[in-house]
Amino acid sequence: MYFRRFILGAIASVPMLAVLAGTAHALSPNAAKSFITQSGQKLVAIVNGADSQGQKASQLRDLVNQIVAVDQVGDYVLGRYINVATPAQKQQFQALFHQLLSYNITYQIKAYQGVTFTVNSATPQGDDVLVDTTVTAPEKSPADVGWVVEDEAGQPKIIDVIVAGTSLRITTRNDYAGVITDNGGQVSALLNAMQNQISKIAAAQ
């Protein structure tokens, strides 16, 4: 559970499959593996570094924006309701999605000094590649984490994270859909819930 929350915070409130299939290009397993290796090294260097928590959070936000297709993941987790939301609601959703990511990163890095990251195998999945890794931290059991990587406009990007066999992107989409469905199909209900979550996290820091 701890690793699930950490990876979720580090990748997208993510709790985070091709998002825009029309723009995807086949990515080689070696390229995906190299990308995840380099990204993991950067992530570990930041988390284990001597900078302040605020500096680490800023660095991680920048890194996540570089390696994760955050906007595309946001569109995916909004799911079918992307066709219901108004342009203003879509814009607000993406802003809240990014903000939740930032807050989760800030909150989660406090407990993960000493984290290590080992890249294992890379397996093609259509135009995507699933890169299997092992993440460990002191006094915690190793966690197998899979990273789904896609070629996005010529650059590899993370589009999903698989923890304990569960897609965080699909889980988040289902959770968000549940909030909207429980409130009569109103996208505004999800936006309010996201804003309330942000307010609670901010008050607790």
N, C-alpha and C. Protein backbone atom coordinates (compact mmCIF):
# COMPACT_ATOMS: atom_id res chain seq x y z
N MET A 1 0.82 -1.20 0.00
CA MET A 1 0.00 0.00 0.00
C MET A 1 0.85 1.25 0.00
N TYR A 2 1.95 1.24 0.77
CA TYR A 2 2.82 2.41 0.81
C TYR A 2 3.41 2.70 -0.56
N PHE A 3 3.88 1.63 -1.25
CA PHE A 3 4.47 1.83 -2.55
C PHE A 3 3.42 2.28 -3.55
N ARG A 4 2.24 1.72 -3.44
CA ARG A 4 1.16 2.12 -4.33
C ARG A 4 0.92 3.63 -4.21
N ARG A 5 0.88 4.11 -2.96
CA ARG A 5 0.63 5.53 -2.75
C ARG A 5 1.80 6.38 -3.25
N PHE A 6 3.02 5.88 -3.04
CA PHE A 6 4.18 6.63 -3.48
C PHE A 6 4.21 6.75 -4.99
N ILE A 7 4.05 5.62 -5.69
CA ILE A 7 4.06 5.65 -7.14
C ILE A 7 2.91 6.47 -7.67
N LEU A 8 1.75 6.34 -7.02
CA LEU A 8 0.60 7.13 -7.43
C LEU A 8 0.90 8.61 -7.33
N GLY A 9 1.49 9.01 -6.21
CA GLY A 9 1.81 10.42 -6.04
C GLY A 9 2.86 10.90 -7.00
N ALA A 10 3.80 10.04 -7.30
CA ALA A 10 4.91 10.44 -8.16
C ALA A 10 4.55 10.45 -9.62
N ILE A 11 3.48 9.83 -9.95
CA ILE A 11 3.15 9.75 -11.36
C ILE A 11 1.84 10.46 -11.69
N ALA A 12 0.84 10.36 -10.94
CA ALA A 12 -0.35 11.12 -11.18
C ALA A 12 -1.38 10.76 -10.15
N SER A 13 -2.06 11.59 -9.67
CA SER A 13 -2.91 11.31 -8.53
C SER A 13 -3.71 10.06 -8.76
N VAL A 14 -2.87 9.36 -9.19
CA VAL A 14 -2.76 8.51 -10.18
C VAL A 14 -2.95 8.13 -9.98
N PRO A 15 -3.24 7.94 -8.25
CA PRO A 15 -3.19 6.86 -8.88
C PRO A 15 -2.98 7.05 -10.04
N MET A 16 -2.26 5.93 -12.91
CA MET A 16 -2.15 6.33 -14.24
C MET A 16 -2.03 5.02 -14.88
N LEU A 17 -1.83 2.37 -21.08
CA LEU A 17 -2.63 2.04 -22.01
C LEU A 17 -2.54 3.19 -22.98
N ALA A 18 -2.54 3.00 -24.53
CA ALA A 18 -2.27 4.19 -25.31
C ALA A 18 -3.39 5.20 -25.11
N VAL A 19 -3.09 6.46 -24.95
CA VAL A 19 -4.11 7.46 -24.72
C VAL A 19 -4.64 7.98 -26.04
N LEU A 20 -3.77 8.43 -26.87
CA LEU A 20 -4.17 8.92 -28.18
C LEU A 20 -3.63 7.96 -29.23
N ALA A 21 -4.38 6.91 -29.48
CA ALA A 21 -3.87 5.84 -30.33
C ALA A 21 -3.49 6.35 -31.71
N GLY A 22 -4.15 7.37 -32.16
CA GLY A 22 -3.86 7.88 -33.49
C GLY A 22 -2.49 8.50 -33.60
N THR A 23 -1.89 8.91 -32.47
CA THR A 23 -0.59 9.57 -32.52
C THR A 23 0.54 8.66 -32.06
N ALA A 24 0.20 7.41 -31.69
CA ALA A 24 1.20 6.51 -31.14
C ALA A 24 2.07 5.90 -32.23
N HIS A 25 3.32 5.66 -31.92
CA HIS A 25 4.24 4.97 -32.82
C HIS A 25 4.90 3.87 -32.00
N ALA A 26 5.26 2.79 -32.68
CA ALA A 26 5.88 1.67 -31.99
C ALA A 26 7.19 2.11 -31.35
N LEU A 27 7.38 1.72 -30.10
CA LEU A 27 8.58 2.05 -29.35
C LEU A 27 9.32 0.75 -29.08
N SER A 28 10.63 0.73 -29.29
CA SER A 28 11.39 -0.49 -29.07
C SER A 28 11.54 -0.76 -27.58
N PRO A 29 11.58 -2.03 -27.19
CA PRO A 29 11.77 -2.37 -25.78
C PRO A 29 13.06 -1.78 -25.21
N ASN A 30 14.13 -1.78 -25.98
CA ASN A 30 15.40 -1.24 -25.49
C ASN A 30 15.29 0.25 -25.22
N ALA A 31 14.59 0.97 -26.09
CA ALA A 31 14.43 2.41 -25.90
C ALA A 31 13.59 2.69 -24.66
N ALA A 32 12.53 1.91 -24.47
CA ALA A 32 11.68 2.09 -23.29
C ALA A 32 12.44 1.76 -22.02
N LYS A 33 13.21 0.69 -22.05
CA LYS A 33 13.99 0.28 -20.88
C LYS A 33 15.02 1.34 -20.52
N SER A 34 15.69 1.88 -21.53
CA SER A 34 16.67 2.94 -21.29
C SER A 34 16.02 4.18 -20.71
N PHE A 35 14.85 4.52 -21.22
CA PHE A 35 14.11 5.68 -20.74
C PHE A 35 13.73 5.52 -19.27
N ILE A 36 13.21 4.35 -18.90
CA ILE A 36 12.80 4.11 -17.52
C ILE A 36 14.03 4.05 -16.61
N THR A 37 15.13 3.49 -17.11
CA THR A 37 16.36 3.44 -16.31
C THR A 37 16.83 4.85 -15.98
N GLN A 38 16.89 5.71 -16.99
CA GLN A 38 17.33 7.08 -16.78
C GLN A 38 16.36 7.85 -15.89
N SER A 39 15.07 7.66 -16.12
CA SER A 39 14.05 8.36 -15.33
C SER A 39 14.11 7.91 -13.87
N GLY A 40 14.30 6.59 -13.66
CA GLY A 40 14.39 6.08 -12.30
C GLY A 40 15.60 6.60 -11.57
N GLN A 41 16.72 6.71 -12.27
CA GLN A 41 17.93 7.25 -11.66
C GLN A 41 17.73 8.69 -11.22
N LYS A 42 17.05 9.46 -12.06
CA LYS A 42 16.77 10.86 -11.71
C LYS A 42 15.83 10.94 -10.52
N LEU A 43 14.81 10.09 -10.52
CA LEU A 43 13.85 10.08 -9.42
C LEU A 43 14.53 9.75 -8.10
N VAL A 44 15.35 8.70 -8.11
CA VAL A 44 16.05 8.28 -6.89
C VAL A 44 17.01 9.36 -6.42
N ALA A 45 17.71 9.99 -7.36
CA ALA A 45 18.67 11.03 -7.00
C ALA A 45 17.99 12.20 -6.29
N ILE A 46 16.78 12.54 -6.75
CA ILE A 46 16.05 13.65 -6.13
C ILE A 46 15.56 13.24 -4.73
N VAL A 47 14.91 12.07 -4.65
CA VAL A 47 14.34 11.63 -3.37
C VAL A 47 15.41 11.44 -2.31
N ASN A 48 16.57 10.91 -2.72
CA ASN A 48 17.64 10.63 -1.76
C ASN A 48 18.62 11.79 -1.59
N GLY A 49 18.37 12.89 -2.27
CA GLY A 49 19.27 14.03 -2.22
C GLY A 49 19.19 14.79 -0.90
N ALA A 50 20.08 15.76 -0.76
CA ALA A 50 20.18 16.52 0.49
C ALA A 50 19.37 17.82 0.46
N ASP A 51 18.67 18.08 -0.63
CA ASP A 51 17.90 19.31 -0.72
C ASP A 51 16.71 19.29 0.24
N SER A 52 16.11 20.45 0.44
CA SER A 52 14.94 20.55 1.31
C SER A 52 13.75 19.84 0.65
N GLN A 53 12.73 19.56 1.46
CA GLN A 53 11.53 18.92 0.93
C GLN A 53 10.89 19.78 -0.15
N GLY A 54 10.88 21.07 0.04
CA GLY A 54 10.31 21.97 -0.95
C GLY A 54 11.07 21.92 -2.26
N GLN A 55 12.40 21.90 -2.18
CA GLN A 55 13.22 21.82 -3.38
C GLN A 55 13.01 20.49 -4.08
N LYS A 56 12.94 19.41 -3.31
CA LYS A 56 12.70 18.09 -3.90
C LYS A 56 11.35 18.05 -4.61
N ALA A 57 10.34 18.60 -3.98
CA ALA A 57 9.01 18.60 -4.58
C ALA A 57 9.02 19.34 -5.91
N SER A 58 9.70 20.48 -5.95
CA SER A 58 9.79 21.24 -7.19
C SER A 58 10.52 20.47 -8.27
N GLN A 59 11.62 19.83 -7.89
CA GLN A 59 12.39 19.04 -8.85
C GLN A 59 11.59 17.86 -9.37
N LEU A 60 10.83 17.20 -8.49
CA LEU A 60 10.03 16.07 -8.90
C LEU A 60 8.88 16.49 -9.81
N ARG A 61 8.30 17.64 -9.54
CA ARG A 61 7.24 18.14 -10.42
C ARG A 61 7.79 18.36 -11.83
N ASP A 62 8.96 18.96 -11.91
CA ASP A 62 9.58 19.19 -13.21
C ASP A 62 9.88 17.86 -13.91
N LEU A 63 10.39 16.89 -13.14
CA LEU A 63 10.72 15.59 -13.73
C LEU A 63 9.47 14.89 -14.24
N VAL A 64 8.42 14.89 -13.44
CA VAL A 64 7.19 14.23 -13.85
C VAL A 64 6.63 14.85 -15.12
N ASN A 65 6.67 16.16 -15.22
CA ASN A 65 6.18 16.82 -16.43
C ASN A 65 7.01 16.45 -17.65
N GLN A 66 8.26 16.07 -17.43
CA GLN A 66 9.14 15.67 -18.52
C GLN A 66 8.88 14.23 -18.97
N ILE A 67 8.60 13.35 -18.02
CA ILE A 67 8.57 11.92 -18.35
C ILE A 67 7.17 11.33 -18.42
N VAL A 68 6.16 12.05 -17.96
CA VAL A 68 4.79 11.53 -17.95
C VAL A 68 3.92 12.37 -18.88
N ALA A 69 3.07 11.70 -19.65
CA ALA A 69 2.11 12.41 -20.50
C ALA A 69 0.92 12.83 -19.63
N VAL A 70 1.14 13.83 -18.79
CA VAL A 70 0.15 14.18 -17.75
C VAL A 70 -1.18 14.61 -18.36
N ASP A 71 -1.16 15.48 -19.35
CA ASP A 71 -2.41 15.95 -19.94
C ASP A 71 -3.18 14.80 -20.58
N GLN A 72 -2.45 13.93 -21.29
CA GLN A 72 -3.11 12.80 -21.93
C GLN A 72 -3.69 11.84 -20.91
N VAL A 73 -2.95 11.61 -19.83
CA VAL A 73 -3.46 10.75 -18.76
C VAL A 73 -4.71 11.38 -18.14
N GLY A 74 -4.67 12.69 -17.98
CA GLY A 74 -5.84 13.39 -17.45
C GLY A 74 -7.07 13.19 -18.33
N ASP A 75 -6.88 13.31 -19.64
CA ASP A 75 -7.98 13.07 -20.57
C ASP A 75 -8.50 11.65 -20.43
N TYR A 76 -7.58 10.70 -20.27
CA TYR A 76 -7.98 9.30 -20.15
C TYR A 76 -8.80 9.06 -18.90
N VAL A 77 -8.35 9.56 -17.76
CA VAL A 77 -9.05 9.28 -16.51
C VAL A 77 -10.40 10.00 -16.45
N LEU A 78 -10.54 11.09 -17.19
CA LEU A 78 -11.85 11.74 -17.26
C LEU A 78 -12.82 10.86 -18.05
N GLY A 79 -12.25 10.01 -18.92
CA GLY A 79 -13.04 8.99 -19.61
C GLY A 79 -14.11 9.56 -20.52
N ARG A 80 -15.27 8.88 -20.52
CA ARG A 80 -16.35 9.28 -21.42
C ARG A 80 -16.91 10.65 -21.09
N TYR A 81 -16.63 11.10 -19.89
CA TYR A 81 -17.17 12.40 -19.48
C TYR A 81 -16.42 13.57 -20.11
N ILE A 82 -15.36 13.26 -20.84
CA ILE A 82 -14.67 14.32 -21.57
C ILE A 82 -15.58 14.89 -22.66
N ASN A 83 -16.56 14.06 -23.10
CA ASN A 83 -17.51 14.52 -24.12
C ASN A 83 -18.68 15.27 -23.51
N VAL A 84 -18.78 15.21 -22.19
CA VAL A 84 -19.87 15.90 -21.49
C VAL A 84 -19.40 17.22 -20.89
N ALA A 85 -18.15 17.24 -20.46
CA ALA A 85 -17.60 18.44 -19.81
C ALA A 85 -17.55 19.62 -20.78
N THR A 86 -17.80 20.80 -20.26
CA THR A 86 -17.67 22.01 -21.06
C THR A 86 -16.18 22.33 -21.23
N PRO A 87 -15.83 23.17 -22.20
CA PRO A 87 -14.42 23.56 -22.33
C PRO A 87 -13.84 24.12 -21.04
N ALA A 88 -14.63 24.89 -20.31
CA ALA A 88 -14.15 25.46 -19.04
C ALA A 88 -13.93 24.36 -18.01
N GLN A 89 -14.81 23.38 -17.98
CA GLN A 89 -14.66 22.27 -17.04
C GLN A 89 -13.43 21.42 -17.38
N LYS A 90 -13.18 21.20 -18.66
CA LYS A 90 -12.00 20.45 -19.07
C LYS A 90 -10.73 21.16 -18.63
N GLN A 91 -10.71 22.47 -18.81
CA GLN A 91 -9.55 23.25 -18.40
C GLN A 91 -9.36 23.20 -16.89
N GLN A 92 -10.47 23.31 -16.15
CA GLN A 92 -10.38 23.26 -14.69
C GLN A 92 -9.94 21.88 -14.23
N PHE A 93 -10.45 20.84 -14.88
CA PHE A 93 -10.07 19.48 -14.52
C PHE A 93 -8.56 19.27 -14.68
N GLN A 94 -8.01 19.69 -15.80
CA GLN A 94 -6.58 19.50 -16.02
C GLN A 94 -5.77 20.28 -14.99
N ALA A 95 -6.21 21.48 -14.65
CA ALA A 95 -5.50 22.28 -13.65
C ALA A 95 -5.52 21.58 -12.29
N LEU A 96 -6.68 21.05 -11.91
CA LEU A 96 -6.81 20.34 -10.63
C LEU A 96 -6.01 19.04 -10.64
N PHE A 97 -6.01 18.35 -11.77
CA PHE A 97 -5.27 17.10 -11.91
C PHE A 97 -3.78 17.34 -11.71
N HIS A 98 -3.27 18.39 -12.33
CA HIS A 98 -1.86 18.74 -12.16
C HIS A 98 -1.57 19.14 -10.71
N GLN A 99 -2.49 19.87 -10.11
CA GLN A 99 -2.28 20.33 -8.74
C GLN A 99 -2.29 19.18 -7.75
N LEU A 100 -3.19 18.22 -7.95
CA LEU A 100 -3.22 17.04 -7.08
C LEU A 100 -1.92 16.27 -7.20
N LEU A 101 -1.41 16.18 -8.40
CA LEU A 101 -0.13 15.52 -8.62
C LEU A 101 0.96 16.20 -7.81
N SER A 102 1.01 17.50 -7.88
CA SER A 102 2.04 18.25 -7.16
C SER A 102 1.94 18.05 -5.65
N TYR A 103 0.73 18.11 -5.12
CA TYR A 103 0.54 17.93 -3.69
C TYR A 103 0.91 16.52 -3.25
N ASN A 104 0.54 15.53 -4.05
CA ASN A 104 0.87 14.15 -3.70
C ASN A 104 2.37 13.93 -3.71
N ILE A 105 3.06 14.52 -4.66
CA ILE A 105 4.51 14.40 -4.70
C ILE A 105 5.12 14.98 -3.44
N THR A 106 4.70 16.19 -3.08
CA THR A 106 5.23 16.84 -1.89
C THR A 106 4.99 16.00 -0.64
N TYR A 107 3.81 15.40 -0.55
CA TYR A 107 3.45 14.62 0.64
C TYR A 107 4.22 13.30 0.70
N GLN A 108 4.37 12.64 -0.43
CA GLN A 108 4.91 11.29 -0.43
C GLN A 108 6.42 11.22 -0.28
N ILE A 109 7.16 12.21 -0.75
CA ILE A 109 8.62 12.09 -0.73
C ILE A 109 9.19 12.10 0.69
N LYS A 110 8.42 12.57 1.65
CA LYS A 110 8.94 12.66 3.01
C LYS A 110 9.32 11.30 3.59
N ALA A 111 8.64 10.24 3.16
CA ALA A 111 8.83 8.92 3.78
C ALA A 111 9.71 7.98 2.97
N TYR A 112 10.35 8.48 1.91
CA TYR A 112 11.03 7.55 1.02
C TYR A 112 12.52 7.82 0.84
N GLN A 113 13.15 8.40 1.83
CA GLN A 113 14.61 8.52 1.80
C GLN A 113 15.22 7.12 1.77
N GLY A 114 16.18 6.90 0.90
CA GLY A 114 16.82 5.59 0.78
C GLY A 114 16.20 4.68 -0.26
N VAL A 115 15.25 5.17 -1.06
CA VAL A 115 14.60 4.37 -2.07
C VAL A 115 15.61 3.93 -3.14
N THR A 116 15.45 2.71 -3.64
CA THR A 116 16.26 2.20 -4.75
C THR A 116 15.34 1.71 -5.85
N PHE A 117 15.88 1.65 -7.05
CA PHE A 117 15.07 1.41 -8.24
C PHE A 117 15.85 0.51 -9.19
N THR A 118 15.32 -0.69 -9.47
CA THR A 118 16.00 -1.64 -10.34
C THR A 118 15.13 -1.96 -11.55
N VAL A 119 15.69 -1.80 -12.74
CA VAL A 119 14.95 -2.10 -13.97
C VAL A 119 15.20 -3.55 -14.35
N ASN A 120 14.13 -4.30 -14.63
CA ASN A 120 14.24 -5.71 -14.97
C ASN A 120 14.05 -5.96 -16.46
N SER A 121 12.83 -6.18 -16.90
CA SER A 121 12.58 -6.53 -18.29
C SER A 121 11.70 -5.49 -18.98
N ALA A 122 11.64 -5.59 -20.32
CA ALA A 122 10.78 -4.72 -21.11
C ALA A 122 10.03 -5.58 -22.12
N THR A 123 8.69 -5.49 -22.12
CA THR A 123 7.87 -6.35 -22.96
C THR A 123 6.94 -5.51 -23.84
N PRO A 124 7.00 -5.71 -25.17
CA PRO A 124 6.09 -4.96 -26.06
C PRO A 124 4.64 -5.30 -25.78
N GLN A 125 3.79 -4.27 -25.85
CA GLN A 125 2.34 -4.45 -25.74
C GLN A 125 1.70 -3.60 -26.82
N GLY A 126 1.61 -4.15 -28.04
CA GLY A 126 1.16 -3.34 -29.15
C GLY A 126 2.19 -2.28 -29.46
N ASP A 127 1.76 -1.03 -29.52
CA ASP A 127 2.68 0.08 -29.75
C ASP A 127 3.35 0.55 -28.47
N ASP A 128 2.92 0.02 -27.33
CA ASP A 128 3.48 0.41 -26.04
C ASP A 128 4.48 -0.63 -25.56
N VAL A 129 5.20 -0.29 -24.51
CA VAL A 129 6.14 -1.23 -23.89
C VAL A 129 5.94 -1.20 -22.39
N LEU A 130 5.82 -2.38 -21.78
CA LEU A 130 5.72 -2.49 -20.33
C LEU A 130 7.10 -2.78 -19.77
N VAL A 131 7.60 -1.87 -18.96
CA VAL A 131 8.93 -2.02 -18.34
C VAL A 131 8.72 -2.42 -16.89
N ASP A 132 9.24 -3.59 -16.52
CA ASP A 132 9.09 -4.10 -15.16
C ASP A 132 10.26 -3.64 -14.30
N THR A 133 9.95 -3.13 -13.11
CA THR A 133 10.99 -2.67 -12.19
C THR A 133 10.70 -3.17 -10.78
N THR A 134 11.73 -3.08 -9.94
CA THR A 134 11.57 -3.38 -8.51
C THR A 134 11.97 -2.14 -7.72
N VAL A 135 11.06 -1.68 -6.88
CA VAL A 135 11.29 -0.49 -6.06
C VAL A 135 11.39 -0.92 -4.61
N THR A 136 12.43 -0.49 -3.93
CA THR A 136 12.61 -0.85 -2.52
C THR A 136 12.93 0.39 -1.71
N ALA A 137 12.64 0.32 -0.43
CA ALA A 137 12.96 1.38 0.51
C ALA A 137 13.22 0.74 1.86
N PRO A 138 13.99 1.40 2.72
CA PRO A 138 14.31 0.83 4.02
C PRO A 138 13.06 0.43 4.81
N GLU A 139 13.10 -0.77 5.40
CA GLU A 139 12.04 -1.28 6.26
C GLU A 139 10.72 -1.51 5.52
N LYS A 140 10.80 -1.62 4.19
CA LYS A 140 9.61 -1.91 3.39
C LYS A 140 9.92 -3.06 2.44
N SER A 141 8.94 -3.89 2.16
CA SER A 141 9.13 -5.00 1.24
C SER A 141 9.29 -4.47 -0.18
N PRO A 142 10.12 -5.13 -1.01
CA PRO A 142 10.25 -4.71 -2.41
C PRO A 142 8.90 -4.75 -3.12
N ALA A 143 8.70 -3.84 -4.04
CA ALA A 143 7.45 -3.78 -4.79
C ALA A 143 7.76 -3.89 -6.28
N ASP A 144 7.01 -4.75 -6.97
CA ASP A 144 7.13 -4.85 -8.42
C ASP A 144 6.24 -3.78 -9.05
N VAL A 145 6.85 -2.92 -9.84
CA VAL A 145 6.12 -1.81 -10.46
C VAL A 145 6.36 -1.85 -11.96
N GLY A 146 5.28 -1.86 -12.73
CA GLY A 146 5.39 -1.83 -14.17
C GLY A 146 5.06 -0.45 -14.71
N TRP A 147 5.83 -0.01 -15.69
CA TRP A 147 5.65 1.31 -16.29
C TRP A 147 5.30 1.13 -17.77
N VAL A 148 4.14 1.60 -18.17
CA VAL A 148 3.75 1.51 -19.57
C VAL A 148 4.23 2.76 -20.29
N VAL A 149 5.05 2.55 -21.31
CA VAL A 149 5.70 3.66 -22.01
C VAL A 149 5.22 3.70 -23.46
N GLU A 150 4.96 4.89 -23.94
CA GLU A 150 4.49 5.11 -25.31
C GLU A 150 5.35 6.16 -25.98
N ASP A 151 5.49 6.06 -27.29
CA ASP A 151 6.13 7.12 -28.06
C ASP A 151 5.12 8.23 -28.25
N GLU A 152 5.44 9.38 -27.72
CA GLU A 152 4.55 10.54 -27.79
C GLU A 152 5.27 11.65 -28.56
N ALA A 153 4.90 11.82 -29.83
CA ALA A 153 5.51 12.85 -30.67
C ALA A 153 7.03 12.69 -30.73
N GLY A 154 7.48 11.44 -30.83
CA GLY A 154 8.90 11.18 -30.96
C GLY A 154 9.65 11.06 -29.66
N GLN A 155 8.95 11.19 -28.52
CA GLN A 155 9.59 11.10 -27.21
C GLN A 155 8.89 10.04 -26.37
N PRO A 156 9.64 9.19 -25.67
CA PRO A 156 8.99 8.22 -24.78
C PRO A 156 8.34 8.93 -23.60
N LYS A 157 7.14 8.50 -23.26
CA LYS A 157 6.41 9.06 -22.12
C LYS A 157 5.72 7.94 -21.36
N ILE A 158 5.63 8.08 -20.05
CA ILE A 158 4.90 7.14 -19.22
C ILE A 158 3.41 7.45 -19.32
N ILE A 159 2.61 6.42 -19.59
CA ILE A 159 1.17 6.63 -19.70
C ILE A 159 0.38 5.80 -18.69
N ASP A 160 1.04 4.89 -18.00
CA ASP A 160 0.35 4.11 -16.96
C ASP A 160 1.38 3.49 -16.03
N VAL A 161 0.94 3.17 -14.83
CA VAL A 161 1.77 2.50 -13.84
C VAL A 161 0.98 1.31 -13.32
N ILE A 162 1.63 0.15 -13.29
CA ILE A 162 0.98 -1.08 -12.84
C ILE A 162 1.60 -1.48 -11.50
N VAL A 163 0.80 -1.47 -10.45
CA VAL A 163 1.25 -1.85 -9.11
C VAL A 163 0.38 -3.00 -8.62
N ALA A 164 1.04 -4.10 -8.22
CA ALA A 164 0.32 -5.29 -7.76
C ALA A 164 -0.71 -5.75 -8.78
N GLY A 165 -0.35 -5.65 -10.06
CA GLY A 165 -1.23 -6.10 -11.13
C GLY A 165 -2.37 -5.16 -11.45
N THR A 166 -2.40 -4.00 -10.82
CA THR A 166 -3.50 -3.06 -11.01
C THR A 166 -3.03 -1.81 -11.73
N SER A 167 -3.76 -1.43 -12.78
CA SER A 167 -3.48 -0.21 -13.52
C SER A 167 -3.98 0.99 -12.71
N LEU A 168 -3.05 1.86 -12.35
CA LEU A 168 -3.45 3.04 -11.58
C LEU A 168 -4.27 4.00 -12.43
N ARG A 169 -4.02 4.00 -13.72
CA ARG A 169 -4.78 4.89 -14.59
C ARG A 169 -6.23 4.44 -14.69
N ILE A 170 -6.44 3.13 -14.83
CA ILE A 170 -7.80 2.61 -14.91
C ILE A 170 -8.51 2.77 -13.56
N THR A 171 -7.79 2.52 -12.47
CA THR A 171 -8.37 2.69 -11.15
C THR A 171 -8.85 4.12 -10.93
N THR A 172 -8.00 5.07 -11.32
CA THR A 172 -8.37 6.47 -11.15
C THR A 172 -9.57 6.82 -12.02
N ARG A 173 -9.59 6.33 -13.26
CA ARG A 173 -10.74 6.61 -14.14
C ARG A 173 -12.02 6.06 -13.53
N ASN A 174 -11.97 4.84 -12.99
CA ASN A 174 -13.17 4.25 -12.38
C ASN A 174 -13.62 5.03 -11.16
N ASP A 175 -12.64 5.46 -10.35
CA ASP A 175 -12.98 6.25 -9.16
C ASP A 175 -13.65 7.58 -9.57
N TYR A 176 -13.09 8.23 -10.56
CA TYR A 176 -13.63 9.52 -11.01
C TYR A 176 -15.03 9.33 -11.61
N ALA A 177 -15.18 8.26 -12.40
CA ALA A 177 -16.49 8.00 -13.00
C ALA A 177 -17.53 7.73 -11.92
N GLY A 178 -17.11 7.05 -10.85
CA GLY A 178 -18.02 6.77 -9.75
C GLY A 178 -18.52 8.04 -9.09
N VAL A 179 -17.63 8.99 -8.90
CA VAL A 179 -18.03 10.27 -8.29
C VAL A 179 -19.05 10.97 -9.17
N ILE A 180 -18.79 11.01 -10.46
CA ILE A 180 -19.70 11.69 -11.39
C ILE A 180 -21.05 10.97 -11.45
N THR A 181 -21.00 9.64 -11.55
CA THR A 181 -22.24 8.85 -11.63
C THR A 181 -23.09 9.01 -10.38
N ASP A 182 -22.44 9.00 -9.22
CA ASP A 182 -23.15 9.13 -7.96
C ASP A 182 -23.78 10.51 -7.78
N ASN A 183 -23.39 11.43 -8.63
CA ASN A 183 -23.93 12.80 -8.54
C ASN A 183 -24.66 13.20 -9.82
N GLY A 184 -25.39 12.24 -10.34
CA GLY A 184 -26.28 12.53 -11.46
C GLY A 184 -25.59 12.88 -12.77
N GLY A 185 -24.35 12.40 -12.94
CA GLY A 185 -23.64 12.66 -14.19
C GLY A 185 -23.05 14.05 -14.29
N GLN A 186 -22.94 14.73 -13.17
CA GLN A 186 -22.44 16.11 -13.17
C GLN A 186 -20.92 16.14 -13.01
N VAL A 187 -20.23 16.62 -14.03
CA VAL A 187 -18.77 16.73 -13.96
C VAL A 187 -18.37 17.69 -12.86
N SER A 188 -19.21 18.67 -12.59
CA SER A 188 -18.91 19.64 -11.54
C SER A 188 -18.71 18.97 -10.19
N ALA A 189 -19.38 17.84 -9.95
CA ALA A 189 -19.24 17.13 -8.69
C ALA A 189 -17.82 16.60 -8.54
N LEU A 190 -17.24 16.09 -9.62
CA LEU A 190 -15.85 15.62 -9.57
C LEU A 190 -14.90 16.78 -9.33
N LEU A 191 -15.13 17.89 -10.00
CA LEU A 191 -14.26 19.06 -9.82
C LEU A 191 -14.31 19.54 -8.37
N ASN A 192 -15.50 19.52 -7.78
CA ASN A 192 -15.63 19.93 -6.38
C ASN A 192 -14.90 18.96 -5.46
N ALA A 193 -15.01 17.67 -5.75
CA ALA A 193 -14.34 16.65 -4.93
C ALA A 193 -12.83 16.80 -5.03
N MET A 194 -12.33 17.06 -6.22
CA MET A 194 -10.89 17.25 -6.41
C MET A 194 -10.41 18.50 -5.67
N GLN A 195 -11.19 19.57 -5.75
CA GLN A 195 -10.82 20.79 -5.04
C GLN A 195 -10.83 20.59 -3.54
N ASN A 196 -11.81 19.85 -3.03
CA ASN A 196 -11.87 19.55 -1.60
C ASN A 196 -10.67 18.73 -1.15
N GLN A 197 -10.26 17.77 -1.99
CA GLN A 197 -9.10 16.96 -1.67
C GLN A 197 -7.84 17.82 -1.60
N ILE A 198 -7.71 18.73 -2.55
CA ILE A 198 -6.56 19.63 -2.56
C ILE A 198 -6.54 20.49 -1.29
N SER A 199 -7.71 21.00 -0.92
CA SER A 199 -7.79 21.84 0.28
C SER A 199 -7.40 21.07 1.54
N LYS A 200 -7.84 19.81 1.63
CA LYS A 200 -7.51 19.00 2.80
C LYS A 200 -6.00 18.71 2.86
N ILE A 201 -5.42 18.40 1.72
CA ILE A 201 -3.97 18.11 1.68
C ILE A 201 -3.20 19.36 2.06
N ALA A 202 -3.60 20.50 1.53
CA ALA A 202 -2.90 21.75 1.81
C ALA A 202 -3.00 22.10 3.29
N ALA A 203 -4.16 21.86 3.89
CA ALA A 203 -4.34 22.18 5.32
C ALA A 203 -3.52 21.27 6.21
N ALA A 204 -3.23 20.06 5.75
CA ALA A 204 -2.50 19.10 6.56
C ALA A 204 -0.98 19.29 6.48
N GLN A 205 -0.53 20.09 5.55
CA GLN A 205 0.92 20.26 5.37
C GLN A 205 1.47 21.35 6.29
